[in-house]
Amino acid sequence: MVPRARLMVRATGLLAGSVLIALAFAVPSPAASAAAGVSGPGGVGAKAAAVENAATGRLLWSREENTERPMASITKVMTAFVVISEGHLDRKIIIPSAVVAYVREYDASNAGLRPGDTLTAGQLLYAMLLPSGADAAYALAQAYGPGIPAFIAKMNAVARLLGMTRTHFSTFDGLPWPTPYSNYSTAANLLTLGRAAMRSAVFRSVVDQRSYRLGAGSGHHAYLWRNLNPLLGHYPGVIGIKPGYTGAAGQCLLFEATRNGYSVIGVTLDSPGSITAANRADATRILNWAFSLPGH
């Protein structure tokens, strides 16, 4: 069972080599539950959703929070978390030629990376998390595995260490392989991942950026990556974190916002409609409701 306060663990076994993961996050006690006697937000169309106090993990409201569902590109939050935990973000990674065929095969969102370009792992985090670049996720997984199977094994090992008992990663980016439903999690498990990731200053600083410009330099072309999070710049106080979509997963969004020193983290899975309209509408209703609670 995951300790309830500060946790520092050394991941071994399934992780290819030892990975030191330092976490500081509050895990809610078994008694933590949605606020008794308080009706939830109205008009939320997501099939599964939840919102918590980001500092304490206290559940404020949920719908089907323990139902396993595909999570699409929210998967990349775990990819980033593993990379950041291993460190060496200044290491240089050559973009493999295989990313072009991979992006084309799955018609995947991408950062437009050029094979042969050399970027740092830190730069690739922006390429992965802002435009949801499957090409950047591929390059990071290949480098940090080393090799993709080893990297996915690390993702699953870290999920177990976090207590994400209803989560399984079959991909490093959330694309639907080997089947549309083999890469899955729950609303409750994704809030656990979101809280852990947002306690990393590096991760937090990346997902809070609306865009990132990388000028042409020695070994790489120029790039401009824009954040696909539909809440950034539209809902006051939003500080991340990651949207996603596949046909099986529907529109998904993991998000965090702060108001008057009070932070809440929420997730919606399979919201109806387009990525901008559906995700923004559901998350806005949830955030408005959470911030309206007396005494929070």
Protein backbone atom coordinates (compact mmCIF):
# COMPACT_ATOMS: atom_id res chain seq x y z
CA MET A 1 0.00 0.00 0.00
CA VAL A 2 1.34 3.47 -0.90
CA PRO A 3 2.37 5.54 2.16
CA ARG A 4 0.03 8.42 2.89
CA ALA A 5 2.50 11.29 3.08
CA ARG A 6 5.95 11.82 1.59
CA LEU A 7 7.22 8.94 -0.51
CA MET A 8 10.62 8.17 -1.94
CA VAL A 9 11.03 4.87 -3.70
CA ARG A 10 13.59 3.21 -5.91
CA ALA A 11 11.87 1.50 -8.81
CA THR A 12 13.50 -1.80 -9.75
CA GLY A 13 12.51 -5.07 -11.37
CA LEU A 14 10.40 -4.20 -14.41
CA LEU A 15 12.22 -0.90 -14.82
CA ALA A 16 15.23 -1.43 -17.04
CA GLY A 17 17.83 -0.26 -14.52
CA SER A 18 17.17 1.54 -11.27
CA VAL A 19 15.12 4.74 -11.38
CA LEU A 20 14.98 7.01 -8.35
CA ILE A 21 11.55 8.59 -8.12
CA ALA A 22 11.09 11.27 -5.50
CA LEU A 23 7.45 12.08 -4.87
CA ALA A 24 5.71 14.35 -2.41
CA PHE A 25 2.00 13.93 -2.67
CA ALA A 26 -0.92 13.41 -0.35
CA VAL A 27 -2.87 10.21 -0.86
CA PRO A 28 -6.43 10.49 0.44
CA SER A 29 -7.30 8.25 3.35
CA PRO A 30 -9.88 5.51 2.83
CA ALA A 31 -12.44 7.77 4.50
CA ALA A 32 -12.00 10.54 1.94
CA SER A 33 -15.09 10.84 -0.24
CA ALA A 34 -17.20 13.31 -2.13
CA ALA A 35 -18.68 16.09 -0.05
CA ALA A 36 -21.71 14.63 1.67
CA GLY A 37 -25.04 16.21 0.87
CA VAL A 38 -23.64 18.43 -1.90
CA SER A 39 -25.00 17.93 -5.40
CA GLY A 40 -22.44 17.86 -8.17
CA PRO A 41 -21.96 20.11 -11.18
CA GLY A 42 -24.81 20.17 -13.67
CA GLY A 43 -24.59 19.58 -17.40
CA VAL A 44 -21.38 17.51 -17.43
CA GLY A 45 -21.51 15.19 -20.43
CA ALA A 46 -18.41 13.08 -19.74
CA LYS A 47 -19.04 9.40 -19.12
CA ALA A 48 -16.49 9.43 -16.30
CA ALA A 49 -15.20 12.41 -14.33
CA ALA A 50 -13.86 13.46 -10.96
CA VAL A 51 -12.51 16.50 -9.15
CA GLU A 52 -10.40 16.71 -6.00
CA ASN A 53 -8.68 19.17 -3.73
CA ALA A 54 -5.26 19.19 -5.37
CA ALA A 55 -3.39 19.66 -2.10
CA THR A 56 -5.08 16.96 -0.03
CA GLY A 57 -6.56 14.57 -2.56
CA ARG A 58 -10.01 14.96 -0.98
CA LEU A 59 -12.61 13.89 -3.50
CA LEU A 60 -15.20 16.60 -4.14
CA TRP A 61 -17.33 14.93 -6.79
CA SER A 62 -17.10 12.02 -9.17
CA ARG A 63 -18.93 9.97 -11.78
CA GLU A 64 -17.84 6.41 -12.57
CA GLU A 65 -14.44 7.26 -11.07
CA ASN A 66 -13.34 3.62 -10.85
CA THR A 67 -14.49 2.51 -14.30
CA GLU A 68 -11.59 1.54 -16.57
CA ARG A 69 -11.54 3.50 -19.81
CA PRO A 70 -9.02 4.35 -22.55
CA MET A 71 -7.31 7.64 -21.69
CA ALA A 72 -5.84 8.70 -25.05
CA SER A 73 -2.99 11.23 -24.84
CA ILE A 74 -3.32 11.74 -21.10
CA THR A 75 -0.95 8.75 -21.28
CA LYS A 76 1.82 11.23 -22.11
CA VAL A 77 1.63 12.58 -18.56
CA MET A 78 3.09 9.28 -17.36
CA THR A 79 5.65 9.32 -20.18
CA ALA A 80 6.81 12.75 -19.05
CA PHE A 81 6.75 11.73 -15.39
CA VAL A 82 9.05 8.76 -16.04
CA VAL A 83 11.45 10.87 -18.11
CA ILE A 84 11.59 13.67 -15.53
CA SER A 85 12.06 11.17 -12.70
CA GLU A 86 15.06 9.64 -14.46
CA GLY A 87 16.51 13.09 -15.10
CA HIS A 88 19.35 14.07 -17.44
CA LEU A 89 17.00 16.39 -19.31
CA ASP A 90 19.98 17.99 -21.04
CA ARG A 91 20.82 14.71 -22.80
CA LYS A 92 20.77 15.01 -26.57
CA ILE A 93 18.43 12.78 -28.52
CA ILE A 94 18.55 12.28 -32.28
CA ILE A 95 15.06 12.08 -33.77
CA PRO A 96 14.77 8.63 -35.36
CA SER A 97 13.51 8.30 -38.92
CA ALA A 98 10.86 5.83 -37.71
CA VAL A 99 8.76 8.65 -36.23
CA VAL A 100 7.58 9.72 -39.68
CA ALA A 101 6.06 6.36 -40.55
CA TYR A 102 4.67 6.00 -37.01
CA VAL A 103 2.84 9.33 -37.14
CA ARG A 104 1.56 8.61 -40.64
CA GLU A 105 0.33 5.11 -39.75
CA TYR A 106 -1.81 6.32 -36.86
CA ASP A 107 -2.58 9.81 -38.20
CA ALA A 108 -1.24 10.95 -34.83
CA SER A 109 -0.90 14.42 -33.40
CA ASN A 110 2.71 15.45 -33.75
CA ALA A 111 5.27 18.19 -33.20
CA GLY A 112 6.55 18.08 -36.78
CA LEU A 113 9.93 16.75 -35.70
CA ARG A 114 12.50 16.30 -38.45
CA PRO A 115 14.37 12.97 -38.47
CA GLY A 116 18.06 13.54 -37.81
CA ASP A 117 17.47 16.68 -35.74
CA THR A 118 19.12 16.62 -32.31
CA LEU A 119 17.10 18.00 -29.41
CA THR A 120 17.46 17.73 -25.66
CA ALA A 121 15.08 15.63 -23.60
CA GLY A 122 13.87 18.83 -21.97
CA GLN A 123 12.98 20.34 -25.34
CA LEU A 124 11.19 17.14 -26.32
CA LEU A 125 9.00 17.43 -23.23
CA TYR A 126 7.56 20.63 -24.71
CA ALA A 127 7.16 18.91 -28.09
CA MET A 128 5.26 16.06 -26.44
CA LEU A 129 3.11 17.87 -23.89
CA LEU A 130 2.07 21.03 -25.77
CA PRO A 131 1.08 19.85 -29.29
CA SER A 132 0.74 16.29 -27.96
CA GLY A 133 3.52 15.11 -30.21
CA ALA A 134 3.50 11.35 -30.66
CA ASP A 135 6.80 11.77 -32.50
CA ALA A 136 8.37 13.37 -29.42
CA ALA A 137 6.92 10.65 -27.17
CA TYR A 138 8.41 8.03 -29.49
CA ALA A 139 11.86 9.63 -29.36
CA LEU A 140 11.77 9.93 -25.55
CA ALA A 141 10.54 6.38 -25.00
CA GLN A 142 13.16 4.97 -27.36
CA ALA A 143 15.94 6.87 -25.61
CA TYR A 144 14.87 6.36 -22.00
CA GLY A 145 13.85 2.69 -22.23
CA PRO A 146 16.22 2.14 -23.76
CA GLY A 147 13.80 0.80 -26.33
CA ILE A 148 10.03 1.14 -26.35
CA PRO A 149 9.09 -2.18 -24.64
CA ALA A 150 11.41 -1.38 -21.71
CA PHE A 151 9.99 2.12 -21.41
CA ILE A 152 6.39 0.89 -21.31
CA ALA A 153 7.43 -1.57 -18.59
CA LYS A 154 8.75 1.39 -16.60
CA MET A 155 5.43 3.21 -17.02
CA ASN A 156 3.52 0.25 -15.59
CA ALA A 157 5.97 -0.18 -12.74
CA VAL A 158 5.63 3.47 -11.75
CA ALA A 159 1.84 3.19 -11.97
CA ARG A 160 1.98 0.38 -9.42
CA LEU A 161 4.24 2.43 -7.15
CA LEU A 162 1.71 5.25 -7.27
CA GLY A 163 -1.11 2.89 -6.36
CA MET A 164 -2.78 3.13 -9.78
CA THR A 165 -4.22 -0.36 -9.49
CA ARG A 166 -6.74 -0.01 -12.32
CA THR A 167 -4.32 1.32 -14.93
CA HIS A 168 -2.42 -0.44 -17.70
CA PHE A 169 -0.12 1.15 -20.26
CA SER A 170 0.33 -0.63 -23.57
CA THR A 171 1.66 2.49 -25.32
CA PHE A 172 3.84 5.49 -24.54
CA ASP A 173 1.45 8.00 -26.13
CA GLY A 174 -2.12 6.71 -25.80
CA LEU A 175 -2.62 5.67 -29.40
CA PRO A 176 -4.93 2.65 -29.81
CA TRP A 177 -2.53 -0.25 -30.07
CA PRO A 178 -2.49 -3.19 -29.90
CA THR A 179 -6.24 -2.64 -29.41
CA PRO A 180 -8.31 0.51 -28.80
CA TYR A 181 -8.92 -0.55 -25.20
CA SER A 182 -5.61 -2.08 -24.09
CA ASN A 183 -4.26 1.24 -22.77
CA TYR A 184 -6.59 2.28 -19.96
CA SER A 185 -7.03 3.94 -16.59
CA THR A 186 -9.76 5.39 -14.38
CA ALA A 187 -10.71 8.91 -13.40
CA ALA A 188 -9.52 8.22 -9.84
CA ASN A 189 -6.18 6.80 -10.98
CA LEU A 190 -5.58 9.70 -13.35
CA LEU A 191 -6.08 12.21 -10.57
CA THR A 192 -3.39 10.34 -8.61
CA LEU A 193 -1.05 10.61 -11.60
CA GLY A 194 -1.93 14.26 -12.13
CA ARG A 195 -1.20 15.20 -8.52
CA ALA A 196 2.16 13.42 -8.64
CA ALA A 197 3.18 14.99 -11.96
CA MET A 198 2.15 18.49 -10.95
CA ARG A 199 4.44 18.34 -7.93
CA SER A 200 7.36 18.33 -10.35
CA ALA A 201 8.46 21.91 -10.99
CA VAL A 202 9.72 20.88 -14.43
CA PHE A 203 6.46 19.26 -15.48
CA ARG A 204 4.40 22.09 -14.03
CA SER A 205 6.38 24.75 -15.89
CA VAL A 206 5.99 22.94 -19.23
CA VAL A 207 2.23 22.35 -19.15
CA ASP A 208 1.57 25.92 -18.06
CA GLN A 209 3.03 27.33 -21.29
CA ARG A 210 0.63 28.32 -24.06
CA SER A 211 3.40 27.99 -26.64
CA TYR A 212 7.09 27.24 -26.93
CA ARG A 213 9.39 28.53 -29.65
CA LEU A 214 12.71 26.85 -30.38
CA GLY A 215 14.94 28.77 -32.73
CA ALA A 216 17.04 27.00 -35.33
CA GLY A 217 20.33 25.91 -33.86
CA SER A 218 23.25 23.64 -34.33
CA GLY A 219 21.75 20.26 -35.15
CA HIS A 220 18.07 21.15 -35.39
CA HIS A 221 15.49 23.17 -37.28
CA ALA A 222 13.27 25.89 -35.78
CA TYR A 223 10.02 24.82 -34.12
CA LEU A 224 6.92 26.45 -32.69
CA TRP A 225 4.66 24.30 -30.51
CA ARG A 226 1.27 25.48 -29.25
CA ASN A 227 -0.51 24.01 -26.26
CA LEU A 228 -3.69 22.10 -27.17
CA ASN A 229 -5.16 22.46 -23.67
CA PRO A 230 -8.47 24.23 -24.40
CA LEU A 231 -8.63 25.82 -20.94
CA LEU A 232 -5.31 27.69 -20.97
CA GLY A 233 -5.98 31.35 -21.61
CA HIS A 234 -9.75 30.80 -21.42
CA TYR A 235 -10.40 29.84 -17.81
CA PRO A 236 -8.73 32.06 -15.17
CA GLY A 237 -6.32 30.20 -12.96
CA VAL A 238 -5.79 27.11 -15.13
CA ILE A 239 -2.19 25.85 -14.87
CA GLY A 240 -2.33 22.65 -17.00
CA ILE A 241 -2.36 19.78 -17.67
CA LYS A 242 -3.22 17.52 -20.70
CA PRO A 243 -6.02 16.79 -23.22
CA GLY A 244 -6.38 13.71 -25.38
CA TYR A 245 -8.57 12.03 -27.97
CA THR A 246 -9.03 8.72 -29.76
CA GLY A 247 -12.18 7.24 -31.22
CA ALA A 248 -12.46 4.78 -28.36
CA ALA A 249 -11.53 7.23 -25.60
CA GLY A 250 -13.53 10.20 -26.82
CA GLN A 251 -12.53 13.67 -25.68
CA CYS A 252 -10.48 13.52 -22.47
CA LEU A 253 -8.94 16.21 -20.30
CA LEU A 254 -6.86 16.24 -17.13
CA PHE A 255 -6.75 19.76 -15.69
CA GLU A 256 -5.77 21.82 -12.67
CA ALA A 257 -6.69 25.35 -11.67
CA THR A 258 -5.98 27.68 -8.76
CA ARG A 259 -8.13 30.44 -7.28
CA ASN A 260 -7.26 32.47 -4.20
CA GLY A 261 -4.63 29.97 -3.16
CA TYR A 262 -6.99 26.99 -3.49
CA SER A 263 -6.24 24.40 -6.17
CA VAL A 264 -8.43 21.68 -7.61
CA ILE A 265 -7.51 18.95 -10.06
CA GLY A 266 -10.08 17.28 -12.27
CA VAL A 267 -10.47 14.86 -15.14
CA THR A 268 -13.12 14.14 -17.76
CA LEU A 269 -13.16 10.99 -19.88
CA ASP A 270 -15.24 10.60 -23.04
CA SER A 271 -16.89 14.01 -23.24
CA PRO A 272 -19.20 14.37 -26.27
CA GLY A 273 -18.37 16.80 -29.04
CA SER A 274 -15.23 18.45 -30.37
CA ILE A 275 -12.02 18.72 -28.34
CA THR A 276 -12.36 22.43 -27.67
CA ALA A 277 -16.09 22.66 -27.05
CA ALA A 278 -16.58 19.41 -25.14
CA ASN A 279 -13.50 19.54 -22.95
CA ARG A 280 -13.81 23.23 -22.18
CA ALA A 281 -17.53 22.99 -21.39
CA ASP A 282 -17.29 19.98 -19.08
CA ALA A 283 -14.17 21.22 -17.29
CA THR A 284 -15.60 24.74 -16.91
CA ARG A 285 -18.77 23.40 -15.28
CA ILE A 286 -16.72 21.24 -12.92
CA LEU A 287 -14.32 24.05 -11.99
CA ASN A 288 -17.09 26.61 -11.47
CA TRP A 289 -18.87 24.17 -9.18
CA ALA A 290 -15.72 23.22 -7.23
CA PHE A 291 -14.72 26.83 -6.62
CA SER A 292 -18.26 27.66 -5.49
CA LEU A 293 -18.22 25.14 -2.63
CA PRO A 294 -18.41 26.86 0.77
CA GLY A 295 -15.12 26.60 2.63
CA HIS A 296 -13.73 24.47 -0.21
